[in-house]
PDB file of N, CA and C in Angstrom:
ATOM      1  N   MET A   1      83.205 156.659  86.318  1.00  0.00           N
ATOM      2  CA  MET A   1      84.182 157.542  85.715  1.00  0.00           C
ATOM      3  C   MET A   1      85.360 157.694  86.675  1.00  0.00           C
ATOM      4  N   LEU A   2      86.539 157.692  86.128  1.00  0.00           N
ATOM      5  CA  LEU A   2      87.742 157.736  86.955  1.00  0.00           C
ATOM      6  C   LEU A   2      87.894 159.041  87.731  1.00  0.00           C
ATOM      7  N   ILE A   3      87.460 160.162  87.149  1.00  0.00           N
ATOM      8  CA  ILE A   3      87.587 161.433  87.866  1.00  0.00           C
ATOM      9  C   ILE A   3      86.787 161.384  89.160  1.00  0.00           C
ATOM     10  N   LYS A   4      85.565 160.874  89.095  1.00  0.00           N
ATOM     11  CA  LYS A   4      84.733 160.784  90.298  1.00  0.00           C
ATOM     12  C   LYS A   4      85.371 159.853  91.322  1.00  0.00           C
ATOM     13  N   LYS A   5      85.869 158.742  90.848  1.00  0.00           N
ATOM     14  CA  LYS A   5      86.501 157.774  91.747  1.00  0.00           C
ATOM     15  C   LYS A   5      87.688 158.407  92.468  1.00  0.00           C
ATOM     16  N   TYR A   6      88.579 159.038  91.724  1.00  0.00           N
ATOM     17  CA  TYR A   6      89.770 159.627  92.330  1.00  0.00           C
ATOM     18  C   TYR A   6      89.433 160.840  93.196  1.00  0.00           C
ATOM     19  N   PHE A   7      88.404 161.578  92.811  1.00  0.00           N
ATOM     20  CA  PHE A   7      87.964 162.703  93.633  1.00  0.00           C
ATOM     21  C   PHE A   7      87.456 162.215  94.990  1.00  0.00           C
ATOM     22  N   LEU A   8      86.710 161.130  94.990  1.00  0.00           N
ATOM     23  CA  LEU A   8      86.216 160.563  96.248  1.00  0.00           C
ATOM     24  C   LEU A   8      87.360 160.038  97.112  1.00  0.00           C
ATOM     25  N   ILE A   9      88.324 159.396  96.502  1.00  0.00           N
ATOM     26  CA  ILE A   9      89.484 158.902  97.258  1.00  0.00           C
ATOM     27  C   ILE A   9      90.266 160.079  97.842  1.00  0.00           C
ATOM     28  N   PHE A  10      90.471 161.118  97.046  1.00  0.00           N
ATOM     29  CA  PHE A  10      91.164 162.316  97.527  1.00  0.00           C
ATOM     30  C   PHE A  10      90.394 162.970  98.672  1.00  0.00           C
ATOM     31  N   SER A  11      89.084 163.091  98.515  1.00  0.00           N
ATOM     32  CA  SER A  11      88.253 163.701  99.558  1.00  0.00           C
ATOM     33  C   SER A  11      88.322 162.903 100.848  1.00  0.00           C
ATOM     34  N   PHE A  12      88.276 161.578 100.729  1.00  0.00           N
ATOM     35  CA  PHE A  12      88.433 160.730 101.915  1.00  0.00           C
ATOM     36  C   PHE A  12      89.766 161.019 102.592  1.00  0.00           C
ATOM     37  N   SER A  13      90.829 161.088 101.814  1.00  0.00           N
ATOM     38  CA  SER A  13      92.162 161.307 102.384  1.00  0.00           C
ATOM     39  C   SER A  13      92.240 162.630 103.137  1.00  0.00           C
ATOM     40  N   VAL A  14      91.710 163.680 102.544  1.00  0.00           N
ATOM     41  CA  VAL A  14      91.749 165.001 103.175  1.00  0.00           C
ATOM     42  C   VAL A  14      90.956 165.004 104.472  1.00  0.00           C
ATOM     43  N   VAL A  15      89.726 164.507 104.422  1.00  0.00           N
ATOM     44  CA  VAL A  15      88.874 164.564 105.613  1.00  0.00           C
ATOM     45  C   VAL A  15      89.382 163.613 106.698  1.00  0.00           C
ATOM     46  N   ALA A  16      89.989 162.503 106.319  1.00  0.00           N
ATOM     47  CA  ALA A  16      90.534 161.574 107.316  1.00  0.00           C
ATOM     48  C   ALA A  16      91.714 162.203 108.049  1.00  0.00           C
ATOM     49  N   ILE A  17      92.578 162.893 107.328  1.00  0.00           N
ATOM     50  CA  ILE A  17      93.716 163.559 107.967  1.00  0.00           C
ATOM     51  C   ILE A  17      93.224 164.624 108.945  1.00  0.00           C
ATOM     52  N   ILE A  18      92.279 165.441 108.506  1.00  0.00           N
ATOM     53  CA  ILE A  18      91.740 166.483 109.383  1.00  0.00           C
ATOM     54  C   ILE A  18      91.065 165.856 110.598  1.00  0.00           C
ATOM     55  N   ALA A  19      90.290 164.807 110.382  1.00  0.00           N
ATOM     56  CA  ALA A  19      89.599 164.136 111.491  1.00  0.00           C
ATOM     57  C   ALA A  19      90.591 163.587 112.507  1.00  0.00           C
ATOM     58  N   LEU A  20      91.626 162.961 112.025  1.00  0.00           N
ATOM     59  CA  LEU A  20      92.608 162.380 112.943  1.00  0.00           C
ATOM     60  C   LEU A  20      93.393 163.462 113.687  1.00  0.00           C
ATOM     61  N   LEU A  21      93.631 164.594 113.031  1.00  0.00           N
ATOM     62  CA  LEU A  21      94.276 165.710 113.729  1.00  0.00           C
ATOM     63  C   LEU A  21      93.417 166.178 114.900  1.00  0.00           C
ATOM     64  N   TYR A  22      92.106 166.261 114.689  1.00  0.00           N
ATOM     65  CA  TYR A  22      91.184 166.665 115.760  1.00  0.00           C
ATOM     66  C   TYR A  22      91.127 165.631 116.875  1.00  0.00           C
ATOM     67  N   GLY A  23      91.009 164.373 116.486  1.00  0.00           N
ATOM     68  CA  GLY A  23      90.578 163.363 117.436  1.00  0.00           C
ATOM     69  C   GLY A  23      91.634 162.580 118.171  1.00  0.00           C
ATOM     70  N   ILE A  24      92.799 162.415 117.588  1.00  0.00           N
ATOM     71  CA  ILE A  24      93.815 161.608 118.272  1.00  0.00           C
ATOM     72  C   ILE A  24      94.223 162.281 119.577  1.00  0.00           C
ATOM     73  N   SER A  25      94.476 163.578 119.513  1.00  0.00           N
ATOM     74  CA  SER A  25      94.816 164.328 120.724  1.00  0.00           C
ATOM     75  C   SER A  25      94.242 165.737 120.612  1.00  0.00           C
ATOM     76  N   PRO A  26      93.008 165.925 121.056  1.00  0.00           N
ATOM     77  CA  PRO A  26      92.412 167.264 120.986  1.00  0.00           C
ATOM     78  C   PRO A  26      93.265 168.326 121.680  1.00  0.00           C
ATOM     79  N   GLN A  27      93.907 167.944 122.772  1.00  0.00           N
ATOM     80  CA  GLN A  27      94.757 168.884 123.511  1.00  0.00           C
ATOM     81  C   GLN A  27      95.920 169.359 122.628  1.00  0.00           C
ATOM     82  N   TRP A  28      96.596 168.414 121.973  1.00  0.00           N
ATOM     83  CA  TRP A  28      97.713 168.761 121.087  1.00  0.00           C
ATOM     84  C   TRP A  28      97.233 169.630 119.935  1.00  0.00           C
ATOM     85  N   PHE A  29      96.113 169.260 119.307  1.00  0.00           N
ATOM     86  CA  PHE A  29      95.581 170.026 118.181  1.00  0.00           C
ATOM     87  C   PHE A  29      95.287 171.461 118.603  1.00  0.00           C
ATOM     88  N   ALA A  30      94.603 171.620 119.721  1.00  0.00           N
ATOM     89  CA  ALA A  30      94.220 172.957 120.177  1.00  0.00           C
ATOM     90  C   ALA A  30      95.442 173.801 120.527  1.00  0.00           C
ATOM     91  N   GLN A  31      96.420 173.198 121.180  1.00  0.00           N
ATOM     92  CA  GLN A  31      97.634 173.939 121.535  1.00  0.00           C
ATOM     93  C   GLN A  31      98.458 174.294 120.303  1.00  0.00           C
ATOM     94  N   THR A  32      98.584 173.349 119.384  1.00  0.00           N
ATOM     95  CA  THR A  32      99.446 173.525 118.214  1.00  0.00           C
ATOM     96  C   THR A  32      98.845 174.462 117.177  1.00  0.00           C
ATOM     97  N   PHE A  33      97.568 174.297 116.870  1.00  0.00           N
ATOM     98  CA  PHE A  33      96.971 175.021 115.751  1.00  0.00           C
ATOM     99  C   PHE A  33      96.037 176.159 116.154  1.00  0.00           C
ATOM    100  N   LEU A  34      95.494 176.100 117.355  1.00  0.00           N
ATOM    101  CA  LEU A  34      94.509 177.102 117.751  1.00  0.00           C
ATOM    102  C   LEU A  34      95.015 178.034 118.849  1.00  0.00           C
ATOM    103  N   ASP A  35      96.219 177.774 119.342  1.00  0.00           N
ATOM    104  CA  ASP A  35      96.809 178.572 120.418  1.00  0.00           C
ATOM    105  C   ASP A  35      95.911 178.594 121.658  1.00  0.00           C
ATOM    106  N   VAL A  36      95.301 177.447 121.934  1.00  0.00           N
ATOM    107  CA  VAL A  36      94.456 177.274 123.114  1.00  0.00           C
ATOM    108  C   VAL A  36      95.267 176.473 124.129  1.00  0.00           C
ATOM    109  N   PRO A  37      95.537 177.045 125.298  1.00  0.00           N
ATOM    110  CA  PRO A  37      96.420 176.362 126.248  1.00  0.00           C
ATOM    111  C   PRO A  37      95.827 175.102 126.874  1.00  0.00           C
ATOM    112  N   ASP A  38      94.510 175.080 127.062  1.00  0.00           N
ATOM    113  CA  ASP A  38      93.907 173.925 127.721  1.00  0.00           C
ATOM    114  C   ASP A  38      92.550 173.627 127.094  1.00  0.00           C
ATOM    115  N   VAL A  39      92.276 172.358 126.875  1.00  0.00           N
ATOM    116  CA  VAL A  39      91.008 171.926 126.294  1.00  0.00           C
ATOM    117  C   VAL A  39      90.195 171.253 127.392  1.00  0.00           C
ATOM    118  N   SER A  40      88.982 171.738 127.578  1.00  0.00           N
ATOM    119  CA  SER A  40      88.119 171.131 128.588  1.00  0.00           C
ATOM    120  C   SER A  40      87.649 169.764 128.106  1.00  0.00           C
ATOM    121  N   LEU A  41      87.122 168.998 129.023  1.00  0.00           N
ATOM    122  CA  LEU A  41      86.577 167.682 128.693  1.00  0.00           C
ATOM    123  C   LEU A  41      85.477 167.801 127.642  1.00  0.00           C
ATOM    124  N   ASP A  42      84.630 168.817 127.773  1.00  0.00           N
ATOM    125  CA  ASP A  42      83.534 168.998 126.822  1.00  0.00           C
ATOM    126  C   ASP A  42      84.042 169.310 125.413  1.00  0.00           C
ATOM    127  N   ILE A  43      85.054 170.157 125.302  1.00  0.00           N
ATOM    128  CA  ILE A  43      85.616 170.481 123.985  1.00  0.00           C
ATOM    129  C   ILE A  43      86.293 169.255 123.382  1.00  0.00           C
ATOM    130  N   ALA A  44      87.019 168.493 124.192  1.00  0.00           N
ATOM    131  CA  ALA A  44      87.636 167.251 123.700  1.00  0.00           C
ATOM    132  C   ALA A  44      86.555 166.296 123.208  1.00  0.00           C
ATOM    133  N   HIS A  45      85.455 166.225 123.932  1.00  0.00           N
ATOM    134  CA  HIS A  45      84.335 165.367 123.539  1.00  0.00           C
ATOM    135  C   HIS A  45      83.777 165.801 122.178  1.00  0.00           C
ATOM    136  N   ILE A  46      83.585 167.108 121.998  1.00  0.00           N
ATOM    137  CA  ILE A  46      83.067 167.632 120.729  1.00  0.00           C
ATOM    138  C   ILE A  46      84.040 167.338 119.593  1.00  0.00           C
ATOM    139  N   LEU A  47      85.330 167.561 119.817  1.00  0.00           N
ATOM    140  CA  LEU A  47      86.319 167.303 118.763  1.00  0.00           C
ATOM    141  C   LEU A  47      86.350 165.825 118.380  1.00  0.00           C
ATOM    142  N   ARG A  48      86.218 164.948 119.348  1.00  0.00           N
ATOM    143  CA  ARG A  48      86.216 163.518 119.025  1.00  0.00           C
ATOM    144  C   ARG A  48      84.922 163.114 118.326  1.00  0.00           C
ATOM    145  N   ALA A  49      83.812 163.743 118.666  1.00  0.00           N
ATOM    146  CA  ALA A  49      82.562 163.470 117.955  1.00  0.00           C
ATOM    147  C   ALA A  49      82.670 163.923 116.497  1.00  0.00           C
ATOM    148  N   VAL A  50      83.271 165.091 116.282  1.00  0.00           N
ATOM    149  CA  VAL A  50      83.495 165.581 114.917  1.00  0.00           C
ATOM    150  C   VAL A  50      84.409 164.621 114.169  1.00  0.00           C
ATOM    151  N   THR A  51      85.404 164.091 114.856  1.00  0.00           N
ATOM    152  CA  THR A  51      86.292 163.092 114.255  1.00  0.00           C
ATOM    153  C   THR A  51      85.485 161.904 113.755  1.00  0.00           C
ATOM    154  N   GLY A  52      84.595 161.399 114.589  1.00  0.00           N
ATOM    155  CA  GLY A  52      83.770 160.258 114.191  1.00  0.00           C
ATOM    156  C   GLY A  52      82.880 160.574 113.006  1.00  0.00           C
ATOM    157  N   LEU A  53      82.282 161.757 113.008  1.00  0.00           N
ATOM    158  CA  LEU A  53      81.428 162.171 111.895  1.00  0.00           C
ATOM    159  C   LEU A  53      82.236 162.273 110.605  1.00  0.00           C
ATOM    160  N   TYR A  54      83.391 162.924 110.662  1.00  0.00           N
ATOM    161  CA  TYR A  54      84.236 163.077 109.479  1.00  0.00           C
ATOM    162  C   TYR A  54      84.703 161.715 108.954  1.00  0.00           C
ATOM    163  N   LEU A  55      85.118 160.843 109.861  1.00  0.00           N
ATOM    164  CA  LEU A  55      85.584 159.522 109.417  1.00  0.00           C
ATOM    165  C   LEU A  55      84.448 158.700 108.820  1.00  0.00           C
ATOM    166  N   ALA A  56      83.263 158.797 109.400  1.00  0.00           N
ATOM    167  CA  ALA A  56      82.118 158.061 108.854  1.00  0.00           C
ATOM    168  C   ALA A  56      81.800 158.526 107.436  1.00  0.00           C
ATOM    169  N   LEU A  57      81.732 159.831 107.238  1.00  0.00           N
ATOM    170  CA  LEU A  57      81.481 160.346 105.890  1.00  0.00           C
ATOM    171  C   LEU A  57      82.623 159.988 104.947  1.00  0.00           C
ATOM    172  N   GLY A  58      83.846 160.150 105.419  1.00  0.00           N
ATOM    173  CA  GLY A  58      85.001 159.824 104.587  1.00  0.00           C
ATOM    174  C   GLY A  58      85.025 158.366 104.169  1.00  0.00           C
ATOM    175  N   LEU A  59      84.690 157.481 105.082  1.00  0.00           N
ATOM    176  CA  LEU A  59      84.653 156.052 104.734  1.00  0.00           C
ATOM    177  C   LEU A  59      83.548 155.758 103.734  1.00  0.00           C
ATOM    178  N   PHE A  60      82.425 156.471 103.844  1.00  0.00           N
ATOM    179  CA  PHE A  60      81.380 156.323 102.830  1.00  0.00           C
ATOM    180  C   PHE A  60      81.897 156.766 101.469  1.00  0.00           C
ATOM    181  N   TRP A  61      82.628 157.875 101.436  1.00  0.00           N
ATOM    182  CA  TRP A  61      83.183 158.350 100.166  1.00  0.00           C
ATOM    183  C   TRP A  61      84.162 157.344  99.590  1.00  0.00           C
ATOM    184  N   LEU A  62      84.972 156.757 100.440  1.00  0.00           N
ATOM    185  CA  LEU A  62      85.924 155.747  99.977  1.00  0.00           C
ATOM    186  C   LEU A  62      85.182 154.528  99.437  1.00  0.00           C
ATOM    187  N   PHE A  63      84.169 154.077 100.152  1.00  0.00           N
ATOM    188  CA  PHE A  63      83.349 152.957  99.684  1.00  0.00           C
ATOM    189  C   PHE A  63      82.713 153.290  98.334  1.00  0.00           C
ATOM    190  N   ALA A  64      82.141 154.493  98.229  1.00  0.00           N
ATOM    191  CA  ALA A  64      81.444 154.888  97.003  1.00  0.00           C
ATOM    192  C   ALA A  64      82.392 155.036  95.822  1.00  0.00           C
ATOM    193  N   ALA A  65      83.653 155.303  96.080  1.00  0.00           N
ATOM    194  CA  ALA A  65      84.627 155.399  94.991  1.00  0.00           C
ATOM    195  C   ALA A  65      84.694 154.094  94.213  1.00  0.00           C
ATOM    196  N   PHE A  66      84.390 152.994  94.883  1.00  0.00           N
ATOM    197  CA  PHE A  66      84.462 151.674  94.258  1.00  0.00           C
ATOM    198  C   PHE A  66      83.085 151.069  94.014  1.00  0.00           C
ATOM    199  N   SER A  67      82.043 151.886  94.116  1.00  0.00           N
ATOM    200  CA  SER A  67      80.673 151.419  93.915  1.00  0.00           C
ATOM    201  C   SER A  67      79.940 152.358  92.964  1.00  0.00           C
ATOM    202  N   ASP A  68      79.628 151.859  91.778  1.00  0.00           N
ATOM    203  CA  ASP A  68      78.900 152.677  90.807  1.00  0.00           C
ATOM    204  C   ASP A  68      77.566 153.165  91.362  1.00  0.00           C
ATOM    205  N   LYS A  69      76.938 152.354  92.175  1.00  0.00           N
ATOM    206  CA  LYS A  69      75.601 152.659  92.696  1.00  0.00           C
ATOM    207  C   LYS A  69      75.594 153.917  93.571  1.00  0.00           C
ATOM    208  N   TYR A  70      76.634 154.138  94.345  1.00  0.00           N
ATOM    209  CA  TYR A  70      76.649 155.233  95.317  1.00  0.00           C
ATOM    210  C   TYR A  70      77.556 156.401  94.940  1.00  0.00           C
ATOM    211  N   ARG A  71      78.276 156.288  93.850  1.00  0.00           N
ATOM    212  CA  ARG A  71      79.299 157.276  93.513  1.00  0.00           C
ATOM    213  C   ARG A  71      78.739 158.692  93.375  1.00  0.00           C
ATOM    214  N   ASN A  72      77.672 158.871  92.596  1.00  0.00           N
ATOM    215  CA  ASN A  72      77.120 160.217  92.405  1.00  0.00           C
ATOM    216  C   ASN A  72      76.581 160.802  93.703  1.00  0.00           C
ATOM    217  N   PHE A  73      75.885 159.985  94.478  1.00  0.00           N
ATOM    218  CA  PHE A  73      75.359 160.469  95.753  1.00  0.00           C
ATOM    219  C   PHE A  73      76.497 160.898  96.675  1.00  0.00           C
ATOM    220  N   ALA A  74      77.578 160.145  96.679  1.00  0.00           N
ATOM    221  CA  ALA A  74      78.720 160.486  97.529  1.00  0.00           C
ATOM    222  C   ALA A  74      79.341 161.813  97.112  1.00  0.00           C
ATOM    223  N   VAL A  75      79.487 162.029  95.816  1.00  0.00           N
ATOM    224  CA  VAL A  75      80.042 163.308  95.351  1.00  0.00           C
ATOM    225  C   VAL A  75      79.103 164.451  95.739  1.00  0.00           C
ATOM    226  N   LEU A  76      77.807 164.245  95.577  1.00  0.00           N
ATOM    227  CA  LEU A  76      76.843 165.264  95.981  1.00  0.00           C
ATOM    228  C   LEU A  76      76.914 165.519  97.487  1.00  0.00           C
ATOM    229  N   SER A  77      77.144 164.484  98.264  1.00  0.00           N
ATOM    230  CA  SER A  77      77.252 164.672  99.718  1.00  0.00           C
ATOM    231  C   SER A  77      78.471 165.520 100.081  1.00  0.00           C
ATOM    232  N   ILE A  78      79.499 165.499  99.254  1.00  0.00           N
ATOM    233  CA  ILE A  78      80.662 166.368  99.488  1.00  0.00           C
ATOM    234  C   ILE A  78      80.275 167.831  99.275  1.00  0.00           C
ATOM    235  N   VAL A  79      79.445 168.093  98.259  1.00  0.00           N
ATOM    236  CA  VAL A  79      78.945 169.455  98.040  1.00  0.00           C
ATOM    237  C   VAL A  79      78.208 169.934  99.290  1.00  0.00           C
ATOM    238  N   LEU A  80      77.335 169.081  99.819  1.00  0.00           N
ATOM    239  CA  LEU A  80      76.558 169.448 101.005  1.00  0.00           C
ATOM    240  C   LEU A  80      77.442 169.580 102.244  1.00  0.00           C
ATOM    241  N   PHE A  81      78.361 168.650 102.417  1.00  0.00           N
ATOM    242  CA  PHE A  81      79.271 168.654 103.566  1.00  0.00           C
ATOM    243  C   PHE A  81      80.123 169.923 103.575  1.00  0.00           C
ATOM    244  N   ALA A  82      80.833 170.166 102.478  1.00  0.00           N
ATOM    245  CA  ALA A  82      81.710 171.340 102.406  1.00  0.00           C
ATOM    246  C   ALA A  82      80.895 172.631 102.410  1.00  0.00           C
ATOM    247  N   GLY A  83      79.748 172.615 101.737  1.00  0.00           N
ATOM    248  CA  GLY A  83      78.889 173.799 101.716  1.00  0.00           C
ATOM    249  C   GLY A  83      78.364 174.153 103.094  1.00  0.00           C
ATOM    250  N   GLY A  84      77.965 173.145 103.844  1.00  0.00           N
ATOM    251  CA  GLY A  84      77.497 173.389 105.205  1.00  0.00           C
ATOM    252  C   GLY A  84      78.595 173.915 106.100  1.00  0.00           C
ATOM    253  N   LEU A  85      79.768 173.310 106.007  1.00  0.00           N
ATOM    254  CA  LEU A  85      80.894 173.769 106.827  1.00  0.00           C
ATOM    255  C   LEU A  85      81.296 175.200 106.486  1.00  0.00           C
ATOM    256  N   VAL A  86      81.447 175.493 105.206  1.00  0.00           N
ATOM    257  CA  VAL A  86      81.905 176.836 104.831  1.00  0.00           C
ATOM    258  C   VAL A  86      80.832 177.877 105.146  1.00  0.00           C
ATOM    259  N   SER A  87      79.567 177.523 105.055  1.00  0.00           N
ATOM    260  CA  SER A  87      78.501 178.466 105.421  1.00  0.00           C
ATOM    261  C   SER A  87      78.605 178.852 106.891  1.00  0.00           C
ATOM    262  N   GLY A  88      78.770 177.853 107.739  1.00  0.00           N
ATOM    263  CA  GLY A  88      78.921 178.126 109.164  1.00  0.00           C
ATOM    264  C   GLY A  88      80.163 178.938 109.465  1.00  0.00           C
ATOM    265  N   ARG A  89      81.237 178.643 108.770  1.00  0.00           N
ATOM    266  CA  ARG A  89      82.485 179.377 109.008  1.00  0.00           C
ATOM    267  C   ARG A  89      82.371 180.833 108.538  1.00  0.00           C
ATOM    268  N   ILE A  90      81.682 181.060 107.433  1.00  0.00           N
ATOM    269  CA  ILE A  90      81.505 182.433 106.948  1.00  0.00           C
ATOM    270  C   ILE A  90      80.637 183.230 107.924  1.00  0.00           C
ATOM    271  N   ILE A  91      79.582 182.603 108.432  1.00  0.00           N
ATOM    272  CA  ILE A  91      78.763 183.269 109.454  1.00  0.00           C
ATOM    273  C   ILE A  91      79.638 183.626 110.651  1.00  0.00           C
ATOM    274  N   SER A  92      80.479 182.692 111.064  1.00  0.00           N
ATOM    275  CA  SER A  92      81.367 182.936 112.204  1.00  0.00           C
ATOM    276  C   SER A  92      82.361 184.057 111.914  1.00  0.00           C
ATOM    277  N   LEU A  93      82.861 184.139 110.688  1.00  0.00           N
ATOM    278  CA  LEU A  93      83.777 185.228 110.338  1.00  0.00           C
ATOM    279  C   LEU A  93      83.119 186.587 110.561  1.00  0.00           C
ATOM    280  N   PHE A  94      81.847 186.701 110.175  1.00  0.00           N
ATOM    281  CA  PHE A  94      81.145 187.977 110.319  1.00  0.00           C
ATOM    282  C   PHE A  94      80.687 188.244 111.746  1.00  0.00           C
ATOM    283  N   THR A  95      80.313 187.210 112.467  1.00  0.00           N
ATOM    284  CA  THR A  95      79.788 187.422 113.818  1.00  0.00           C
ATOM    285  C   THR A  95      80.859 187.355 114.900  1.00  0.00           C
ATOM    286  N   ASP A  96      81.889 186.537 114.695  1.00  0.00           N
ATOM    287  CA  ASP A  96      82.893 186.313 115.736  1.00  0.00           C
ATOM    288  C   ASP A  96      84.249 186.932 115.424  1.00  0.00           C
ATOM    289  N   GLY A  97      84.519 187.193 114.158  1.00  0.00           N
ATOM    290  CA  GLY A  97      85.824 187.731 113.777  1.00  0.00           C
ATOM    291  C   GLY A  97      86.713 186.663 113.158  1.00  0.00           C
ATOM    292  N   GLN A  98      87.951 187.038 112.918  1.00  0.00           N
ATOM    293  CA  GLN A  98      88.898 186.157 112.228  1.00  0.00           C
ATOM    294  C   GLN A  98      89.451 185.094 113.175  1.00  0.00           C
ATOM    295  N   PRO A  99      89.346 183.825 112.779  1.00  0.00           N
ATOM    296  CA  PRO A  99      89.893 182.740 113.598  1.00  0.00           C
ATOM    297  C   PRO A  99      91.383 182.532 113.305  1.00  0.00           C
ATOM    298  N   SER A 100      91.926 181.487 113.874  1.00  0.00           N
ATOM    299  CA  SER A 100      93.339 181.156 113.662  1.00  0.00           C
ATOM    300  C   SER A 100      93.588 180.749 112.213  1.00  0.00           C
ATOM    301  N   GLY A 101      94.859 180.719 111.860  1.00  0.00           N
ATOM    302  CA  GLY A 101      95.263 180.453 110.478  1.00  0.00           C
ATOM    303  C   GLY A 101      94.758 179.143 109.911  1.00  0.00           C
ATOM    304  N   ILE A 102      94.800 178.072 110.691  1.00  0.00           N
ATOM    305  CA  ILE A 102      94.369 176.780 110.150  1.00  0.00           C
ATOM    306  C   ILE A 102      92.876 176.792 109.835  1.00  0.00           C
ATOM    307  N   LEU A 103      92.098 177.524 110.630  1.00  0.00           N
ATOM    308  CA  LEU A 103      90.664 177.588 110.365  1.00  0.00           C
ATOM    309  C   LEU A 103      90.369 178.433 109.129  1.00  0.00           C
ATOM    310  N   LEU A 104      91.192 179.443 108.876  1.00  0.00           N
ATOM    311  CA  LEU A 104      91.060 180.198 107.623  1.00  0.00           C
ATOM    312  C   LEU A 104      91.416 179.314 106.428  1.00  0.00           C
ATOM    313  N   LEU A 105      92.420 178.468 106.600  1.00  0.00           N
ATOM    314  CA  LEU A 105      92.766 177.506 105.550  1.00  0.00           C
ATOM    315  C   LEU A 105      91.581 176.586 105.269  1.00  0.00           C
ATOM    316  N   TYR A 106      90.900 176.133 106.320  1.00  0.00           N
ATOM    317  CA  TYR A 106      89.719 175.281 106.138  1.00  0.00           C
ATOM    318  C   TYR A 106      88.630 176.016 105.357  1.00  0.00           C
ATOM    319  N   VAL A 107      88.444 177.314 105.632  1.00  0.00           N
ATOM    320  CA  VAL A 107      87.454 178.101 104.891  1.00  0.00           C
ATOM    321  C   VAL A 107      87.781 178.069 103.405  1.00  0.00           C
ATOM    322  N   LEU A 108      89.035 178.306 103.075  1.00  0.00           N
ATOM    323  CA  LEU A 108      89.447 178.314 101.668  1.00  0.00           C
ATOM    324  C   LEU A 108      89.266 176.942 101.025  1.00  0.00           C
ATOM    325  N   MET A 109      89.657 175.900 101.750  1.00  0.00           N
ATOM    326  CA  MET A 109      89.527 174.541 101.208  1.00  0.00           C
ATOM    327  C   MET A 109      88.060 174.191 100.966  1.00  0.00           C
ATOM    328  N   GLU A 110      87.218 174.459 101.953  1.00  0.00           N
ATOM    329  CA  GLU A 110      85.798 174.114 101.821  1.00  0.00           C
ATOM    330  C   GLU A 110      85.136 174.952 100.734  1.00  0.00           C
ATOM    331  N   PHE A 111      85.511 176.236 100.667  1.00  0.00           N
ATOM    332  CA  PHE A 111      84.962 177.114  99.636  1.00  0.00           C
ATOM    333  C   PHE A 111      85.335 176.604  98.247  1.00  0.00           C
ATOM    334  N   ALA A 112      86.544 176.093  98.090  1.00  0.00           N
ATOM    335  CA  ALA A 112      86.991 175.549  96.805  1.00  0.00           C
ATOM    336  C   ALA A 112      86.325 174.210  96.505  1.00  0.00           C
ATOM    337  N   PHE A 113      86.111 173.401  97.535  1.00  0.00           N
ATOM    338  CA  PHE A 113      85.550 172.067  97.325  1.00  0.00           C
ATOM    339  C   PHE A 113      84.126 172.111  96.783  1.00  0.00           C
ATOM    340  N   VAL A 114      83.335 173.110  97.161  1.00  0.00           N
ATOM    341  CA  VAL A 114      81.930 173.147  96.746  1.00  0.00           C
ATOM    342  C   VAL A 114      81.793 173.191  95.225  1.00  0.00           C
ATOM    343  N   PRO A 115      82.360 174.171  94.525  1.00  0.00           N
ATOM    344  CA  PRO A 115      82.187 174.178  93.068  1.00  0.00           C
ATOM    345  C   PRO A 115      82.913 173.028  92.369  1.00  0.00           C
ATOM    346  N   ILE A 116      84.049 172.625  92.909  1.00  0.00           N
ATOM    347  CA  ILE A 116      84.768 171.504  92.290  1.00  0.00           C
ATOM    348  C   ILE A 116      83.944 170.229  92.407  1.00  0.00           C
ATOM    349  N   ALA A 117      83.408 169.969  93.591  1.00  0.00           N
ATOM    350  CA  ALA A 117      82.595 168.764  93.787  1.00  0.00           C
ATOM    351  C   ALA A 117      81.338 168.817  92.924  1.00  0.00           C
ATOM    352  N   TYR A 118      80.742 169.991  92.799  1.00  0.00           N
ATOM    353  CA  TYR A 118      79.554 170.108  91.948  1.00  0.00           C
ATOM    354  C   TYR A 118      79.914 169.839  90.494  1.00  0.00           C
ATOM    355  N   TRP A 119      81.042 170.355  90.042  1.00  0.00           N
ATOM    356  CA  TRP A 119      81.504 170.092  88.674  1.00  0.00           C
ATOM    357  C   TRP A 119      81.724 168.594  88.468  1.00  0.00           C
ATOM    358  N   VAL A 120      82.377 167.945  89.430  1.00  0.00           N
ATOM    359  CA  VAL A 120      82.608 166.495  89.338  1.00  0.00           C
ATOM    360  C   VAL A 120      81.274 165.759  89.308  1.00  0.00           C
ATOM    361  N   PHE A 121      80.332 166.185  90.130  1.00  0.00           N
ATOM    362  CA  PHE A 121      79.005 165.562  90.164  1.00  0.00           C
ATOM    363  C   PHE A 121      78.323 165.637  88.800  1.00  0.00           C
ATOM    364  N   LYS A 122      78.453 166.755  88.108  1.00  0.00           N
ATOM    365  CA  LYS A 122      77.782 166.954  86.816  1.00  0.00           C
ATOM    366  C   LYS A 122      78.461 166.220  85.657  1.00  0.00           C
ATOM    367  N   LEU A 123      79.655 165.698  85.869  1.00  0.00           N
ATOM    368  CA  LEU A 123      80.335 164.967  84.798  1.00  0.00           C
ATOM    369  C   LEU A 123      79.541 163.720  84.429  1.00  0.00           C
ATOM    370  N   PRO A 124      79.553 163.356  83.157  1.00  0.00           N
ATOM    371  CA  PRO A 124      78.851 162.128  82.763  1.00  0.00           C
ATOM    372  C   PRO A 124      79.549 160.895  83.325  1.00  0.00           C
ATOM    373  N   GLU A 125      78.802 159.845  83.399  1.00  0.00           N
ATOM    374  CA  GLU A 125      79.355 158.575  83.902  1.00  0.00           C
ATOM    375  C   GLU A 125      80.322 157.989  82.907  1.00  0.00           C
TER     376      GLU A 125
END
């Protein structure tokens, strides 16, 4: 179904942009969006690992957009991916307080992606 295909391509695009923002220059990302003056080696390492994870999942979604065999599983994996991220962020909101603006934007995006991805998953082939 074309909706599933285009949803997977869109999801790949979004997660790839976010991943590259994290990973190309963790120092720039932290200074620009998180108001963190200096990123330690360990934090840069974590951000680049997250970049790899996001790109790996995103590339799977892109592959599945063109593969009938994996398309439904890929859409379901977006539900799990976004659901897991937003769950952790909501816990952090209650335990740690309000983060920077871009992280609040991520909460909204992930919160929206869960029901949308589930709706796309339930669409007939």
